[in-house]
Amino acid sequence: MELDISGTGLSYSTGDHIGLWPSNPEHEVERLLQVLDLSQYRDTVILTYQTNQNTCSKISRETVQVLEQFAPSQAAKDLLNRLKEDKEYFHSFVTLRCLKSWPASGDYNCCPWSPLSFSALLDLLPPLQPRYYSISSSNIAHPRRVHVTVAVKKDHFEQGNRHFYGAASNYARALSKANAVGVSVDDDDNIRFDHASLRTLSNHLSCVGTIRQSSFRLPPDPATPIIMVGPGTGVAHFRAFMQERIHIRRSGGKDVVDAMTTIVSKEKGISKGMGEKYMHDLKITGRFHEDIW
């Protein structure tokens, strides 16, 4: 995914992070409106002192305790009381089934939750938070564009046959697809987001984001050899580093292959000619690539 930051006042350095603020999926918003019997106010604008609330947040025992006093029926109240008092039952009923957006989970909504006040709802739903991703592009190679390499999060929970979707990653996926075709679209799992308000005059989609500086940088000298190890944190920043080294090389900097040849020759105790042959064999067999696209 590529984001154009021209005219935004934003800038970044290679190795920085970008924070994306997602919106709530339409089906989650619709479900919450139905449970609270507020569907008729779907298009009503309400100004609050708080930021956008997250309707996809996971349920906590503290939330259950507060909701008990607003239960619309005795059955719902009894269930909430048991969840509050019994940790094991809470784990099996909520955690293992990944229930979220309480009281919009639908498991005991025999009647609307009209007793729940709007102020209480705002206090229960946490604000949407930005999701920070390592920028996978070099600011030297792409000063006006930010590349984001994102794994779309979708977890399946056997109990209750439920899925948990990462708010930010699925939002980014839907944003990218909608921008490509020019209209809001469903993804493969029918998760839909309202992008209408994000259209620019050029009919491109915009999003809310911020840049966070990082201390994870390349060595100042582009000739300094580096070894990149991915301990499960992803490859986005490594892609950015490789992109920068390649850009510097093509602009007259030290050849990456020459640096690798020097390292191989030294570590293996072989001549430079043998090191060059070794690097050539790596490229032929597809074990070494110079370019990142």
Protein backbone atom coordinates (compact mmCIF):
# COMPACT_ATOMS: atom_id res chain seq x y z
CA MET A 1 0.00 0.00 0.00
CA GLU A 2 1.34 3.44 -0.93
CA LEU A 3 0.25 6.74 0.63
CA ASP A 4 0.87 10.07 -1.07
CA ILE A 5 1.91 12.64 1.57
CA SER A 6 2.35 15.54 -0.86
CA GLY A 7 0.90 18.75 0.56
CA THR A 8 0.24 17.25 4.00
CA GLY A 9 3.23 18.75 5.78
CA LEU A 10 4.33 15.26 6.76
CA SER A 11 7.83 13.96 6.21
CA TYR A 12 9.66 10.85 7.31
CA SER A 13 13.07 9.25 7.57
CA THR A 14 13.91 5.69 6.63
CA GLY A 15 13.04 3.47 9.58
CA ASP A 16 10.17 5.62 10.92
CA HIS A 17 6.61 4.44 11.63
CA ILE A 18 3.28 5.63 10.31
CA GLY A 19 0.17 5.60 12.46
CA LEU A 20 -3.18 5.00 10.74
CA TRP A 21 -6.50 5.78 12.39
CA PRO A 22 -9.12 3.28 11.21
CA SER A 23 -12.89 3.66 11.25
CA ASN A 24 -15.43 1.12 12.47
CA PRO A 25 -16.76 -1.45 9.97
CA GLU A 26 -20.31 -0.68 8.86
CA HIS A 27 -21.71 -4.00 10.06
CA GLU A 28 -20.37 -3.41 13.58
CA VAL A 29 -21.93 0.06 13.72
CA GLU A 30 -25.23 -1.27 12.38
CA ARG A 31 -25.32 -4.08 14.91
CA LEU A 32 -24.69 -1.70 17.79
CA LEU A 33 -27.46 0.63 16.59
CA GLN A 34 -29.92 -2.26 16.43
CA VAL A 35 -29.06 -3.55 19.89
CA LEU A 36 -29.46 -0.08 21.40
CA ASP A 37 -32.66 0.58 19.40
CA LEU A 38 -31.06 3.62 17.77
CA SER A 39 -31.29 2.66 14.09
CA GLN A 40 -33.56 5.63 13.39
CA TYR A 41 -30.71 7.93 14.39
CA ARG A 42 -28.18 6.34 12.05
CA ASP A 43 -27.52 9.57 10.13
CA THR A 44 -27.82 11.94 13.10
CA VAL A 45 -24.65 13.85 13.94
CA ILE A 46 -23.92 14.03 17.67
CA LEU A 47 -21.09 16.18 18.96
CA THR A 48 -19.26 14.81 21.99
CA TYR A 49 -16.17 15.75 23.94
CA GLN A 50 -14.62 12.38 23.11
CA THR A 51 -12.93 11.07 20.00
CA ASN A 52 -14.34 8.32 17.77
CA GLN A 53 -15.21 5.23 19.78
CA ASN A 54 -14.08 1.71 18.94
CA THR A 55 -17.05 -0.62 18.44
CA CYS A 56 -14.70 -3.54 17.73
CA SER A 57 -13.00 -3.57 21.11
CA LYS A 58 -12.77 -6.79 23.08
CA ILE A 59 -14.92 -7.20 26.17
CA SER A 60 -13.40 -6.91 29.63
CA ARG A 61 -14.77 -8.05 32.97
CA GLU A 62 -14.89 -4.41 34.04
CA THR A 63 -17.26 -3.72 31.14
CA VAL A 64 -19.47 -6.59 32.20
CA GLN A 65 -19.65 -5.24 35.74
CA VAL A 66 -20.81 -1.82 34.56
CA LEU A 67 -23.33 -3.23 32.09
CA GLU A 68 -25.04 -5.37 34.70
CA GLN A 69 -26.95 -2.37 36.06
CA PHE A 70 -28.32 -1.59 32.57
CA ALA A 71 -29.44 -5.14 31.67
CA PRO A 72 -32.77 -5.02 29.78
CA SER A 73 -33.99 -8.36 31.16
CA GLN A 74 -33.47 -10.68 34.12
CA ALA A 75 -31.88 -13.29 31.86
CA ALA A 76 -29.31 -10.79 30.64
CA LYS A 77 -28.63 -9.62 34.18
CA ASP A 78 -28.12 -13.19 35.41
CA LEU A 79 -25.69 -13.89 32.58
CA LEU A 80 -23.70 -10.73 33.26
CA ASN A 81 -23.55 -11.51 36.95
CA ARG A 82 -22.18 -14.99 36.26
CA LEU A 83 -19.59 -13.58 33.86
CA LYS A 84 -18.56 -11.06 36.49
CA GLU A 85 -18.19 -13.62 39.28
CA ASP A 86 -16.88 -16.68 37.42
CA LYS A 87 -13.47 -16.18 35.76
CA GLU A 88 -13.47 -19.58 34.07
CA TYR A 89 -16.94 -19.04 32.63
CA PHE A 90 -15.89 -15.59 31.38
CA HIS A 91 -12.86 -17.18 29.71
CA SER A 92 -14.94 -19.85 27.95
CA PHE A 93 -17.88 -17.58 27.05
CA VAL A 94 -16.04 -14.40 26.10
CA THR A 95 -12.30 -14.86 25.62
CA LEU A 96 -12.31 -18.15 23.71
CA ARG A 97 -15.15 -16.94 21.50
CA CYS A 98 -13.62 -13.48 21.09
CA LEU A 99 -16.81 -11.59 21.86
CA LYS A 100 -16.56 -7.87 21.28
CA SER A 101 -18.63 -4.70 21.06
CA TRP A 102 -20.67 -5.49 24.14
CA PRO A 103 -23.63 -5.36 24.29
CA ALA A 104 -23.65 -5.89 20.52
CA SER A 105 -22.44 -9.49 20.65
CA GLY A 106 -25.98 -10.73 20.09
CA ASP A 107 -25.83 -13.69 22.47
CA TYR A 108 -28.56 -12.53 24.81
CA ASN A 109 -30.21 -9.60 23.05
CA CYS A 110 -33.80 -10.72 23.56
CA CYS A 111 -34.83 -7.06 23.70
CA PRO A 112 -33.18 -3.69 22.97
CA TRP A 113 -30.72 -2.30 25.47
CA SER A 114 -32.67 0.95 25.79
CA PRO A 115 -31.83 1.35 29.53
CA LEU A 116 -28.17 1.91 28.58
CA SER A 117 -27.57 5.66 28.53
CA PHE A 118 -25.60 7.30 25.76
CA SER A 119 -23.08 8.73 28.23
CA ALA A 120 -22.50 5.27 29.71
CA LEU A 121 -21.97 3.86 26.22
CA LEU A 122 -19.31 6.46 25.47
CA ASP A 123 -17.53 5.60 28.70
CA LEU A 124 -17.62 1.86 27.92
CA LEU A 125 -16.36 2.03 24.35
CA PRO A 126 -12.65 2.91 24.21
CA PRO A 127 -11.48 5.53 21.70
CA LEU A 128 -10.10 4.39 18.39
CA GLN A 129 -6.33 4.33 18.54
CA PRO A 130 -3.84 4.60 15.68
CA ARG A 131 -2.10 1.44 14.59
CA TYR A 132 1.59 2.03 13.95
CA TYR A 133 3.35 0.26 11.10
CA SER A 134 7.00 0.30 10.10
CA ILE A 135 7.35 2.32 6.91
CA SER A 136 8.64 0.01 4.19
CA SER A 137 10.03 2.68 1.89
CA SER A 138 13.09 4.93 1.85
CA ASN A 139 12.53 8.66 2.14
CA ILE A 140 15.52 9.17 -0.16
CA ALA A 141 13.99 7.02 -2.90
CA HIS A 142 10.38 8.09 -2.26
CA PRO A 143 10.25 11.43 -0.40
CA ARG A 144 6.58 12.06 -1.15
CA ARG A 145 5.22 8.53 -0.79
CA VAL A 146 5.00 6.23 2.20
CA HIS A 147 4.94 2.48 1.53
CA VAL A 148 3.14 0.32 4.08
CA THR A 149 3.54 -3.46 4.19
CA VAL A 150 0.69 -4.85 6.29
CA ALA A 151 -0.37 -8.37 7.24
CA VAL A 152 -4.17 -8.32 7.33
CA LYS A 153 -5.22 -9.72 10.69
CA LYS A 154 -8.02 -12.28 10.74
CA ASP A 155 -8.20 -14.81 13.56
CA HIS A 156 -10.67 -17.67 13.66
CA PHE A 157 -12.07 -18.89 16.97
CA GLU A 158 -13.50 -22.41 16.92
CA GLN A 159 -15.83 -21.80 19.84
CA GLY A 160 -18.82 -19.98 18.46
CA ASN A 161 -17.30 -20.13 14.95
CA ARG A 162 -16.29 -16.49 15.18
CA HIS A 163 -13.72 -14.35 13.44
CA PHE A 164 -11.76 -11.45 14.86
CA TYR A 165 -10.66 -8.84 12.36
CA GLY A 166 -7.89 -6.36 13.05
CA ALA A 167 -9.51 -2.93 12.75
CA ALA A 168 -6.57 -1.06 11.21
CA SER A 169 -5.24 -3.75 8.85
CA ASN A 170 -8.69 -4.53 7.41
CA TYR A 171 -9.39 -0.80 7.12
CA ALA A 172 -6.15 -0.31 5.20
CA ARG A 173 -7.01 -3.22 2.93
CA ALA A 174 -10.49 -1.88 2.21
CA LEU A 175 -9.10 1.63 1.69
CA SER A 176 -6.56 0.39 -0.83
CA LYS A 177 -9.14 -1.64 -2.75
CA ALA A 178 -11.72 1.16 -2.75
CA ASN A 179 -9.15 3.65 -4.02
CA ALA A 180 -8.20 1.30 -6.84
CA VAL A 181 -11.73 0.94 -8.22
CA GLY A 182 -13.05 4.36 -7.24
CA VAL A 183 -15.94 3.15 -5.09
CA SER A 184 -16.40 1.61 -1.66
CA VAL A 185 -16.18 -2.15 -1.96
CA ASP A 186 -16.47 -5.20 0.23
CA ASP A 187 -13.41 -7.30 0.71
CA ASP A 188 -13.39 -11.09 0.57
CA ASP A 189 -14.99 -11.32 4.02
CA ASN A 190 -17.69 -8.70 3.33
CA ILE A 191 -16.19 -6.17 5.73
CA ARG A 192 -17.32 -2.77 4.54
CA PHE A 193 -16.18 0.69 5.57
CA ASP A 194 -17.76 4.04 4.75
CA HIS A 195 -15.19 5.95 2.70
CA ALA A 196 -17.53 8.56 1.20
CA SER A 197 -16.40 11.36 3.51
CA LEU A 198 -12.75 10.67 2.70
CA ARG A 199 -12.97 11.45 -1.02
CA THR A 200 -10.77 14.30 -2.23
CA LEU A 201 -11.46 16.63 -5.16
CA SER A 202 -9.36 14.36 -7.34
CA ASN A 203 -11.58 11.41 -6.31
CA HIS A 204 -8.76 9.76 -4.42
CA LEU A 205 -9.26 8.51 -0.89
CA SER A 206 -7.61 10.18 2.07
CA CYS A 207 -6.96 8.80 5.53
CA VAL A 208 -5.88 10.13 8.91
CA GLY A 209 -2.28 9.36 9.75
CA THR A 210 0.77 10.55 11.64
CA ILE A 211 4.51 9.91 11.50
CA ARG A 212 6.38 8.63 14.56
CA GLN A 213 10.15 8.87 14.63
CA SER A 214 12.20 5.77 15.25
CA SER A 215 15.72 5.18 16.55
CA PHE A 216 16.12 2.17 14.25
CA ARG A 217 18.37 3.57 11.52
CA LEU A 218 20.89 2.52 8.94
CA PRO A 219 24.57 3.27 9.68
CA PRO A 220 25.47 6.80 8.46
CA ASP A 221 28.13 5.39 6.12
CA PRO A 222 26.39 3.55 3.25
CA ALA A 223 29.53 1.44 2.81
CA THR A 224 29.07 -0.12 6.25
CA PRO A 225 27.99 -3.77 5.86
CA ILE A 226 24.78 -4.73 7.67
CA ILE A 227 23.21 -8.04 8.66
CA MET A 228 19.41 -7.98 8.89
CA VAL A 229 17.74 -10.48 11.21
CA GLY A 230 13.95 -10.77 11.41
CA PRO A 231 13.03 -12.09 14.90
CA GLY A 232 9.31 -12.08 14.12
CA THR A 233 8.91 -8.30 13.85
CA GLY A 234 8.31 -8.25 10.12
CA VAL A 235 10.34 -7.24 7.09
CA ALA A 236 8.91 -3.78 6.37
CA HIS A 237 11.84 -1.79 7.76
CA PHE A 238 14.32 -4.14 6.06
CA ARG A 239 12.60 -3.47 2.74
CA ALA A 240 13.09 0.24 3.38
CA PHE A 241 16.77 -0.26 4.22
CA MET A 242 17.41 -2.31 1.09
CA GLN A 243 15.55 0.26 -1.00
CA GLU A 244 17.77 3.04 0.37
CA ARG A 245 21.01 1.15 -0.16
CA ILE A 246 20.03 0.33 -3.74
CA HIS A 247 19.04 3.95 -4.41
CA ILE A 248 22.38 5.21 -3.05
CA ARG A 249 24.26 2.66 -5.12
CA ARG A 250 22.47 3.69 -8.32
CA SER A 251 23.20 7.31 -7.46
CA GLY A 252 26.91 6.66 -7.24
CA GLY A 253 27.26 5.08 -3.81
CA LYS A 254 29.20 1.92 -2.98
CA ASP A 255 28.02 -1.24 -4.72
CA VAL A 256 26.12 -3.54 -2.37
CA VAL A 257 27.46 -6.58 -4.20
CA ASP A 258 31.03 -5.33 -3.70
CA ALA A 259 30.37 -4.96 0.02
CA MET A 260 28.89 -8.46 0.20
CA THR A 261 31.83 -9.88 -1.78
CA THR A 262 34.26 -8.32 0.69
CA ILE A 263 32.41 -9.82 3.65
CA VAL A 264 32.15 -13.28 2.06
CA SER A 265 35.84 -13.31 1.10
CA LYS A 266 36.90 -12.29 4.60
CA GLU A 267 34.60 -14.65 6.52
CA LYS A 268 35.29 -17.67 4.31
CA GLY A 269 39.01 -16.94 3.98
CA ILE A 270 38.90 -17.03 0.19
CA SER A 271 40.25 -14.76 -2.54
CA LYS A 272 38.27 -11.87 -3.98
CA GLY A 273 37.85 -13.79 -7.21
CA MET A 274 36.35 -16.77 -5.36
CA GLY A 275 34.12 -14.35 -3.44
CA GLU A 276 32.85 -12.86 -6.69
CA LYS A 277 32.11 -16.36 -8.01
CA TYR A 278 30.28 -17.21 -4.78
CA MET A 279 28.08 -14.10 -5.10
CA HIS A 280 27.45 -14.89 -8.77
CA ASP A 281 26.29 -18.40 -7.87
CA LEU A 282 23.93 -16.97 -5.23
CA LYS A 283 22.32 -14.71 -7.83
CA ILE A 284 22.02 -17.52 -10.39
CA THR A 285 20.28 -19.82 -7.90
CA GLY A 286 17.92 -17.05 -6.75
CA ARG A 287 19.34 -16.90 -3.21
CA PHE A 288 20.43 -13.27 -3.55
CA HIS A 289 18.54 -10.36 -5.13
CA GLU A 290 19.81 -6.86 -5.58
CA ASP A 291 16.50 -5.09 -6.19
CA ILE A 292 13.40 -4.46 -4.13
CA TRP A 293 10.24 -3.41 -5.99
